[in-house]
Amino acid sequence: MITSSCKEKNKLNDLDWLIGKWEGTARNGNIFYEEWKKQSDTAFVNNNYHFEGDKQVFGGTSKIALRNNRLYYINDSDSLKMLQWEAEVHNPTSMTFHNDKITPYNRITFSLSEQNTWDAMLMGKKDTVKYSLKRKIMPY
């Protein structure tokens, strides 16, 4: 018998493709990086950053976490205000998170578009932003 908690953990495990280092381009044309890691059976964590010259500049943190048998995308980059979206749609290659109380983007979708590329879609009432991220293969 599969419990609800196990089913939710399986949903999180479906997003294993997200684990790794990714490179994207911001609206202003600057390159940024996201590094997703599996912190535990109930959480993936992300650190993002960009470079200014040779200096790495920390951009923030976020996570996808299982809490009370529900999956959430949590942006805790601002220590004064944690933002949290609840998963509403899920399949093995895509997950959509939603929270009507957050502006400007109340819906966020992560979707695997091909083997080493995924898209982050941030949707709001006035604006939609799409970032395509490519896996950054690290030399050994």
N, C-alpha and C. Protein backbone atom coordinates (compact mmCIF):
# COMPACT_ATOMS: atom_id res chain seq x y z
N MET A 1 0.83 -1.19 0.00
CA MET A 1 0.00 0.00 0.00
C MET A 1 0.87 1.25 0.00
N ILE A 2 0.59 2.19 -0.90
CA ILE A 2 1.34 3.43 -0.98
C ILE A 2 0.58 4.50 -0.21
N THR A 3 1.25 5.10 0.75
CA THR A 3 0.60 6.15 1.54
C THR A 3 0.66 7.47 0.78
N SER A 4 -0.13 8.43 1.23
CA SER A 4 -0.14 9.76 0.61
C SER A 4 1.24 10.39 0.67
N SER A 5 1.93 10.23 1.80
CA SER A 5 3.26 10.79 1.95
C SER A 5 4.23 10.18 0.94
N CYS A 6 4.14 8.87 0.73
CA CYS A 6 4.99 8.20 -0.25
C CYS A 6 4.71 8.71 -1.65
N LYS A 7 3.44 8.90 -1.97
CA LYS A 7 3.07 9.43 -3.28
C LYS A 7 3.67 10.80 -3.49
N GLU A 8 3.60 11.66 -2.46
CA GLU A 8 4.16 13.00 -2.58
C GLU A 8 5.68 12.94 -2.73
N LYS A 9 6.34 12.06 -1.98
CA LYS A 9 7.78 11.91 -2.13
C LYS A 9 8.12 11.46 -3.54
N ASN A 10 7.31 10.55 -4.10
CA ASN A 10 7.53 10.13 -5.47
C ASN A 10 7.41 11.31 -6.43
N LYS A 11 6.48 12.22 -6.17
CA LYS A 11 6.36 13.42 -7.00
C LYS A 11 7.64 14.24 -6.95
N LEU A 12 8.20 14.38 -5.76
CA LEU A 12 9.45 15.11 -5.62
C LEU A 12 10.56 14.38 -6.38
N ASN A 13 10.59 13.06 -6.26
CA ASN A 13 11.62 12.28 -6.95
C ASN A 13 11.48 12.38 -8.47
N ASP A 14 10.27 12.63 -8.97
CA ASP A 14 10.08 12.81 -10.40
C ASP A 14 10.88 14.01 -10.93
N LEU A 15 11.22 14.92 -10.04
CA LEU A 15 11.96 16.12 -10.44
C LEU A 15 13.47 15.96 -10.32
N ASP A 16 13.95 14.72 -10.20
CA ASP A 16 15.39 14.49 -10.11
C ASP A 16 16.15 15.10 -11.28
N TRP A 17 15.49 15.26 -12.43
CA TRP A 17 16.14 15.87 -13.59
C TRP A 17 16.59 17.31 -13.29
N LEU A 18 16.01 17.92 -12.26
CA LEU A 18 16.36 19.30 -11.91
C LEU A 18 17.72 19.39 -11.21
N ILE A 19 18.16 18.29 -10.63
CA ILE A 19 19.41 18.28 -9.88
C ILE A 19 20.58 18.53 -10.84
N GLY A 20 21.43 19.48 -10.47
CA GLY A 20 22.60 19.80 -11.26
C GLY A 20 22.83 21.30 -11.35
N LYS A 21 23.79 21.66 -12.17
CA LYS A 21 24.15 23.07 -12.36
C LYS A 21 23.62 23.52 -13.72
N TRP A 22 22.95 24.67 -13.72
CA TRP A 22 22.25 25.17 -14.91
C TRP A 22 22.65 26.60 -15.23
N GLU A 23 22.61 26.93 -16.50
CA GLU A 23 22.95 28.28 -16.96
C GLU A 23 21.76 28.86 -17.72
N GLY A 24 21.41 30.10 -17.40
CA GLY A 24 20.32 30.79 -18.08
C GLY A 24 20.69 32.23 -18.38
N THR A 25 19.83 32.90 -19.11
CA THR A 25 20.05 34.30 -19.45
C THR A 25 18.88 35.12 -18.90
N ALA A 26 19.21 36.15 -18.11
CA ALA A 26 18.20 37.04 -17.53
C ALA A 26 17.65 37.97 -18.60
N ARG A 27 16.56 38.66 -18.28
CA ARG A 27 15.95 39.60 -19.23
C ARG A 27 16.94 40.65 -19.73
N ASN A 28 17.86 41.06 -18.85
CA ASN A 28 18.82 42.10 -19.22
C ASN A 28 20.00 41.55 -20.02
N GLY A 29 19.97 40.25 -20.32
CA GLY A 29 21.02 39.64 -21.11
C GLY A 29 22.16 39.04 -20.30
N ASN A 30 22.17 39.25 -18.99
CA ASN A 30 23.22 38.70 -18.14
C ASN A 30 23.03 37.20 -17.92
N ILE A 31 24.12 36.49 -17.87
CA ILE A 31 24.12 35.05 -17.62
C ILE A 31 23.99 34.82 -16.11
N PHE A 32 23.15 33.86 -15.72
CA PHE A 32 23.03 33.48 -14.31
C PHE A 32 23.11 31.96 -14.22
N TYR A 33 23.33 31.48 -13.01
CA TYR A 33 23.46 30.05 -12.76
C TYR A 33 22.55 29.63 -11.61
N GLU A 34 22.01 28.43 -11.71
CA GLU A 34 21.26 27.81 -10.63
C GLU A 34 21.89 26.45 -10.38
N GLU A 35 22.05 26.13 -9.11
CA GLU A 35 22.60 24.83 -8.74
C GLU A 35 21.64 24.14 -7.78
N TRP A 36 20.94 23.13 -8.31
CA TRP A 36 19.95 22.38 -7.54
C TRP A 36 20.59 21.12 -6.96
N LYS A 37 20.34 20.86 -5.67
CA LYS A 37 20.84 19.67 -5.00
C LYS A 37 19.70 19.02 -4.22
N LYS A 38 19.78 17.70 -4.09
CA LYS A 38 18.80 16.98 -3.26
C LYS A 38 19.31 17.05 -1.83
N GLN A 39 18.62 17.81 -0.99
CA GLN A 39 19.02 17.99 0.39
C GLN A 39 18.62 16.79 1.25
N SER A 40 17.44 16.23 0.93
CA SER A 40 16.91 15.09 1.67
C SER A 40 15.81 14.45 0.82
N ASP A 41 15.14 13.44 1.37
CA ASP A 41 14.02 12.82 0.64
C ASP A 41 12.84 13.76 0.49
N THR A 42 12.85 14.87 1.24
CA THR A 42 11.71 15.78 1.22
C THR A 42 12.06 17.19 0.74
N ALA A 43 13.29 17.40 0.26
CA ALA A 43 13.64 18.77 -0.17
C ALA A 43 14.77 18.80 -1.20
N PHE A 44 14.58 19.63 -2.20
CA PHE A 44 15.63 20.03 -3.13
C PHE A 44 15.95 21.48 -2.80
N VAL A 45 17.23 21.85 -2.82
CA VAL A 45 17.63 23.23 -2.55
C VAL A 45 18.36 23.80 -3.75
N ASN A 46 18.24 25.10 -3.92
CA ASN A 46 18.85 25.79 -5.05
C ASN A 46 19.58 27.03 -4.57
N ASN A 47 20.78 27.22 -5.07
CA ASN A 47 21.52 28.48 -4.91
C ASN A 47 21.69 29.05 -6.30
N ASN A 48 21.45 30.36 -6.42
CA ASN A 48 21.68 30.96 -7.73
C ASN A 48 22.66 32.12 -7.59
N TYR A 49 23.36 32.37 -8.68
CA TYR A 49 24.40 33.39 -8.67
C TYR A 49 24.71 33.83 -10.10
N HIS A 50 25.47 34.89 -10.21
CA HIS A 50 25.97 35.37 -11.49
C HIS A 50 27.38 35.90 -11.25
N PHE A 51 28.04 36.29 -12.32
CA PHE A 51 29.39 36.84 -12.20
C PHE A 51 29.41 38.29 -12.62
N GLU A 52 30.16 39.07 -11.88
CA GLU A 52 30.48 40.45 -12.27
C GLU A 52 31.99 40.47 -12.41
N GLY A 53 32.44 40.40 -13.67
CA GLY A 53 33.86 40.21 -13.92
C GLY A 53 34.24 38.83 -13.44
N ASP A 54 35.26 38.73 -12.60
CA ASP A 54 35.69 37.45 -12.05
C ASP A 54 35.02 37.14 -10.71
N LYS A 55 34.22 38.05 -10.21
CA LYS A 55 33.60 37.91 -8.89
C LYS A 55 32.24 37.22 -8.98
N GLN A 56 32.09 36.13 -8.24
CA GLN A 56 30.80 35.43 -8.17
C GLN A 56 29.91 36.17 -7.18
N VAL A 57 28.70 36.54 -7.63
CA VAL A 57 27.75 37.29 -6.81
C VAL A 57 26.56 36.40 -6.50
N PHE A 58 26.32 36.17 -5.21
CA PHE A 58 25.21 35.33 -4.76
C PHE A 58 23.89 36.01 -5.08
N GLY A 59 22.95 35.25 -5.67
CA GLY A 59 21.67 35.82 -6.06
C GLY A 59 20.53 35.46 -5.13
N GLY A 60 20.59 34.30 -4.49
CA GLY A 60 19.52 33.90 -3.60
C GLY A 60 19.39 32.41 -3.49
N THR A 61 18.42 31.99 -2.70
CA THR A 61 18.17 30.57 -2.49
C THR A 61 16.68 30.28 -2.66
N SER A 62 16.40 29.05 -2.99
CA SER A 62 15.03 28.58 -3.06
C SER A 62 15.04 27.08 -2.82
N LYS A 63 13.85 26.51 -2.67
CA LYS A 63 13.78 25.06 -2.48
C LYS A 63 12.41 24.56 -2.93
N ILE A 64 12.37 23.28 -3.21
CA ILE A 64 11.12 22.57 -3.41
C ILE A 64 11.06 21.59 -2.25
N ALA A 65 9.99 21.70 -1.46
CA ALA A 65 9.94 20.91 -0.23
C ALA A 65 8.58 20.25 -0.04
N LEU A 66 8.63 19.09 0.60
CA LEU A 66 7.43 18.38 1.00
C LEU A 66 7.12 18.78 2.44
N ARG A 67 5.94 19.36 2.64
CA ARG A 67 5.50 19.77 3.97
C ARG A 67 4.04 19.37 4.14
N ASN A 68 3.75 18.65 5.19
CA ASN A 68 2.37 18.22 5.46
C ASN A 68 1.73 17.56 4.24
N ASN A 69 2.49 16.68 3.60
CA ASN A 69 2.03 15.92 2.43
C ASN A 69 1.71 16.78 1.21
N ARG A 70 2.25 17.99 1.16
CA ARG A 70 2.07 18.87 0.01
C ARG A 70 3.44 19.39 -0.44
N LEU A 71 3.57 19.56 -1.75
CA LEU A 71 4.82 20.09 -2.29
C LEU A 71 4.73 21.61 -2.44
N TYR A 72 5.83 22.29 -2.12
CA TYR A 72 5.89 23.74 -2.21
C TYR A 72 7.19 24.18 -2.88
N TYR A 73 7.10 25.27 -3.63
CA TYR A 73 8.29 25.98 -4.09
C TYR A 73 8.43 27.16 -3.14
N ILE A 74 9.59 27.29 -2.51
CA ILE A 74 9.81 28.31 -1.49
C ILE A 74 11.01 29.16 -1.88
N ASN A 75 10.79 30.45 -1.98
CA ASN A 75 11.88 31.39 -2.23
C ASN A 75 12.15 32.09 -0.92
N ASP A 76 13.31 31.79 -0.35
CA ASP A 76 13.65 32.41 0.93
C ASP A 76 14.89 33.30 0.81
N SER A 77 15.06 33.91 -0.36
CA SER A 77 16.19 34.81 -0.59
C SER A 77 16.10 36.06 0.27
N ASP A 78 14.89 36.53 0.52
CA ASP A 78 14.67 37.71 1.35
C ASP A 78 14.38 37.24 2.77
N SER A 79 15.31 37.50 3.68
CA SER A 79 15.15 37.00 5.05
C SER A 79 13.94 37.61 5.76
N LEU A 80 13.41 38.70 5.24
CA LEU A 80 12.26 39.34 5.87
C LEU A 80 10.93 38.77 5.38
N LYS A 81 10.94 38.15 4.19
CA LYS A 81 9.67 37.70 3.62
C LYS A 81 9.88 36.44 2.78
N MET A 82 9.56 35.29 3.35
CA MET A 82 9.64 34.03 2.61
C MET A 82 8.41 33.94 1.71
N LEU A 83 8.61 33.58 0.46
CA LEU A 83 7.52 33.41 -0.49
C LEU A 83 7.31 31.93 -0.75
N GLN A 84 6.05 31.50 -0.79
CA GLN A 84 5.74 30.08 -0.92
C GLN A 84 4.57 29.87 -1.88
N TRP A 85 4.81 28.99 -2.87
CA TRP A 85 3.79 28.60 -3.83
C TRP A 85 3.52 27.11 -3.64
N GLU A 86 2.26 26.69 -3.71
CA GLU A 86 1.91 25.28 -3.55
C GLU A 86 1.78 24.61 -4.91
N ALA A 87 2.24 23.36 -5.01
CA ALA A 87 2.13 22.61 -6.27
C ALA A 87 0.66 22.36 -6.56
N GLU A 88 0.27 22.63 -7.81
CA GLU A 88 -1.12 22.39 -8.21
C GLU A 88 -1.23 21.42 -9.38
N VAL A 89 -0.20 21.34 -10.20
CA VAL A 89 -0.20 20.44 -11.35
C VAL A 89 1.17 19.75 -11.36
N HIS A 90 1.15 18.45 -11.63
CA HIS A 90 2.41 17.71 -11.62
C HIS A 90 2.37 16.56 -12.60
N ASN A 91 3.48 16.37 -13.30
CA ASN A 91 3.74 15.13 -14.03
C ASN A 91 5.24 14.93 -14.01
N PRO A 92 5.78 13.83 -14.49
CA PRO A 92 7.21 13.58 -14.35
C PRO A 92 8.14 14.60 -15.03
N THR A 93 7.63 15.42 -15.94
CA THR A 93 8.50 16.39 -16.61
C THR A 93 8.09 17.84 -16.36
N SER A 94 7.12 18.05 -15.48
CA SER A 94 6.66 19.42 -15.26
C SER A 94 5.95 19.54 -13.91
N MET A 95 6.10 20.72 -13.30
CA MET A 95 5.38 21.01 -12.07
C MET A 95 5.02 22.48 -12.05
N THR A 96 3.76 22.77 -11.69
CA THR A 96 3.29 24.15 -11.59
C THR A 96 2.93 24.45 -10.15
N PHE A 97 3.40 25.58 -9.66
CA PHE A 97 3.15 26.05 -8.30
C PHE A 97 2.31 27.32 -8.39
N HIS A 98 1.44 27.53 -7.39
CA HIS A 98 0.50 28.64 -7.46
C HIS A 98 0.27 29.27 -6.08
N ASN A 99 0.15 30.60 -6.06
CA ASN A 99 -0.25 31.33 -4.85
C ASN A 99 -0.78 32.69 -5.31
N ASP A 100 -2.11 32.87 -5.25
CA ASP A 100 -2.74 34.12 -5.70
C ASP A 100 -2.32 35.35 -4.91
N LYS A 101 -1.78 35.15 -3.72
CA LYS A 101 -1.43 36.28 -2.86
C LYS A 101 -0.08 36.90 -3.19
N ILE A 102 0.68 36.26 -4.08
CA ILE A 102 2.02 36.75 -4.40
C ILE A 102 1.99 37.52 -5.71
N THR A 103 2.63 38.68 -5.71
CA THR A 103 2.79 39.46 -6.94
C THR A 103 4.28 39.75 -7.11
N PRO A 104 4.77 39.96 -8.28
CA PRO A 104 4.03 40.02 -9.52
C PRO A 104 3.74 38.65 -10.14
N TYR A 105 4.41 37.59 -9.67
CA TYR A 105 4.23 36.27 -10.29
C TYR A 105 3.57 35.30 -9.33
N ASN A 106 2.33 34.92 -9.63
CA ASN A 106 1.59 34.05 -8.72
C ASN A 106 1.58 32.59 -9.18
N ARG A 107 2.15 32.31 -10.34
CA ARG A 107 2.21 30.94 -10.84
C ARG A 107 3.61 30.72 -11.44
N ILE A 108 4.22 29.60 -11.08
CA ILE A 108 5.56 29.26 -11.57
C ILE A 108 5.52 27.83 -12.09
N THR A 109 6.02 27.62 -13.29
CA THR A 109 6.09 26.29 -13.87
C THR A 109 7.54 25.95 -14.21
N PHE A 110 7.97 24.77 -13.79
CA PHE A 110 9.25 24.21 -14.20
C PHE A 110 8.93 23.05 -15.13
N SER A 111 9.52 23.04 -16.32
CA SER A 111 9.25 21.93 -17.24
C SER A 111 10.50 21.55 -18.00
N LEU A 112 10.73 20.26 -18.06
CA LEU A 112 11.84 19.71 -18.82
C LEU A 112 11.46 19.79 -20.29
N SER A 113 12.27 20.52 -21.07
CA SER A 113 11.90 20.70 -22.48
C SER A 113 12.65 19.73 -23.39
N GLU A 114 13.83 19.35 -23.01
CA GLU A 114 14.59 18.30 -23.70
C GLU A 114 15.65 17.80 -22.75
N GLN A 115 16.46 16.87 -23.16
CA GLN A 115 17.40 16.17 -22.29
C GLN A 115 18.14 17.08 -21.31
N ASN A 116 18.78 18.10 -21.77
CA ASN A 116 19.60 18.95 -20.89
C ASN A 116 19.13 20.39 -20.87
N THR A 117 17.84 20.60 -21.02
CA THR A 117 17.26 21.95 -21.01
C THR A 117 15.93 21.92 -20.26
N TRP A 118 15.69 22.94 -19.45
CA TRP A 118 14.39 23.09 -18.81
C TRP A 118 13.99 24.55 -18.82
N ASP A 119 12.70 24.79 -18.71
CA ASP A 119 12.15 26.13 -18.75
C ASP A 119 11.51 26.48 -17.42
N ALA A 120 11.74 27.70 -16.98
CA ALA A 120 11.05 28.26 -15.82
C ALA A 120 10.14 29.34 -16.36
N MET A 121 8.85 29.20 -16.11
CA MET A 121 7.86 30.17 -16.56
C MET A 121 7.26 30.83 -15.33
N LEU A 122 7.42 32.16 -15.24
CA LEU A 122 6.86 32.93 -14.14
C LEU A 122 5.69 33.72 -14.70
N MET A 123 4.49 33.47 -14.18
CA MET A 123 3.29 34.07 -14.74
C MET A 123 2.58 34.92 -13.69
N GLY A 124 2.13 36.08 -14.13
CA GLY A 124 1.38 36.97 -13.26
C GLY A 124 0.22 37.57 -14.01
N LYS A 125 -0.48 38.46 -13.37
CA LYS A 125 -1.64 39.10 -14.00
C LYS A 125 -1.23 40.04 -15.13
N LYS A 126 -0.05 40.66 -15.02
CA LYS A 126 0.38 41.65 -16.00
C LYS A 126 1.54 41.21 -16.87
N ASP A 127 2.23 40.14 -16.48
CA ASP A 127 3.48 39.82 -17.16
C ASP A 127 3.76 38.33 -17.06
N THR A 128 4.43 37.79 -18.06
CA THR A 128 4.93 36.42 -18.05
C THR A 128 6.38 36.45 -18.48
N VAL A 129 7.22 35.74 -17.76
CA VAL A 129 8.65 35.68 -18.07
C VAL A 129 9.02 34.21 -18.23
N LYS A 130 9.79 33.91 -19.27
CA LYS A 130 10.25 32.54 -19.48
C LYS A 130 11.77 32.54 -19.55
N TYR A 131 12.36 31.66 -18.76
CA TYR A 131 13.81 31.46 -18.77
C TYR A 131 14.07 30.04 -19.21
N SER A 132 14.94 29.85 -20.17
CA SER A 132 15.39 28.51 -20.56
C SER A 132 16.78 28.31 -19.97
N LEU A 133 16.94 27.20 -19.30
CA LEU A 133 18.21 26.90 -18.66
C LEU A 133 18.80 25.63 -19.26
N LYS A 134 20.10 25.67 -19.50
CA LYS A 134 20.81 24.52 -20.07
C LYS A 134 21.76 23.96 -19.03
N ARG A 135 21.84 22.63 -19.02
CA ARG A 135 22.74 21.98 -18.07
C ARG A 135 24.16 22.42 -18.34
N LYS A 136 24.85 22.78 -17.29
CA LYS A 136 26.24 23.19 -17.36
C LYS A 136 27.06 21.97 -17.01
N ILE A 137 27.71 21.39 -17.98
CA ILE A 137 28.52 20.19 -17.77
C ILE A 137 29.86 20.64 -17.19
N MET A 138 30.17 20.10 -16.04
CA MET A 138 31.40 20.49 -15.35
C MET A 138 32.54 19.54 -15.74
N PRO A 139 33.71 20.10 -16.07
CA PRO A 139 34.86 19.24 -16.38
C PRO A 139 35.34 18.55 -15.10
N TYR A 140 35.82 17.33 -15.24
CA TYR A 140 36.30 16.58 -14.08
C TYR A 140 37.78 16.71 -13.94
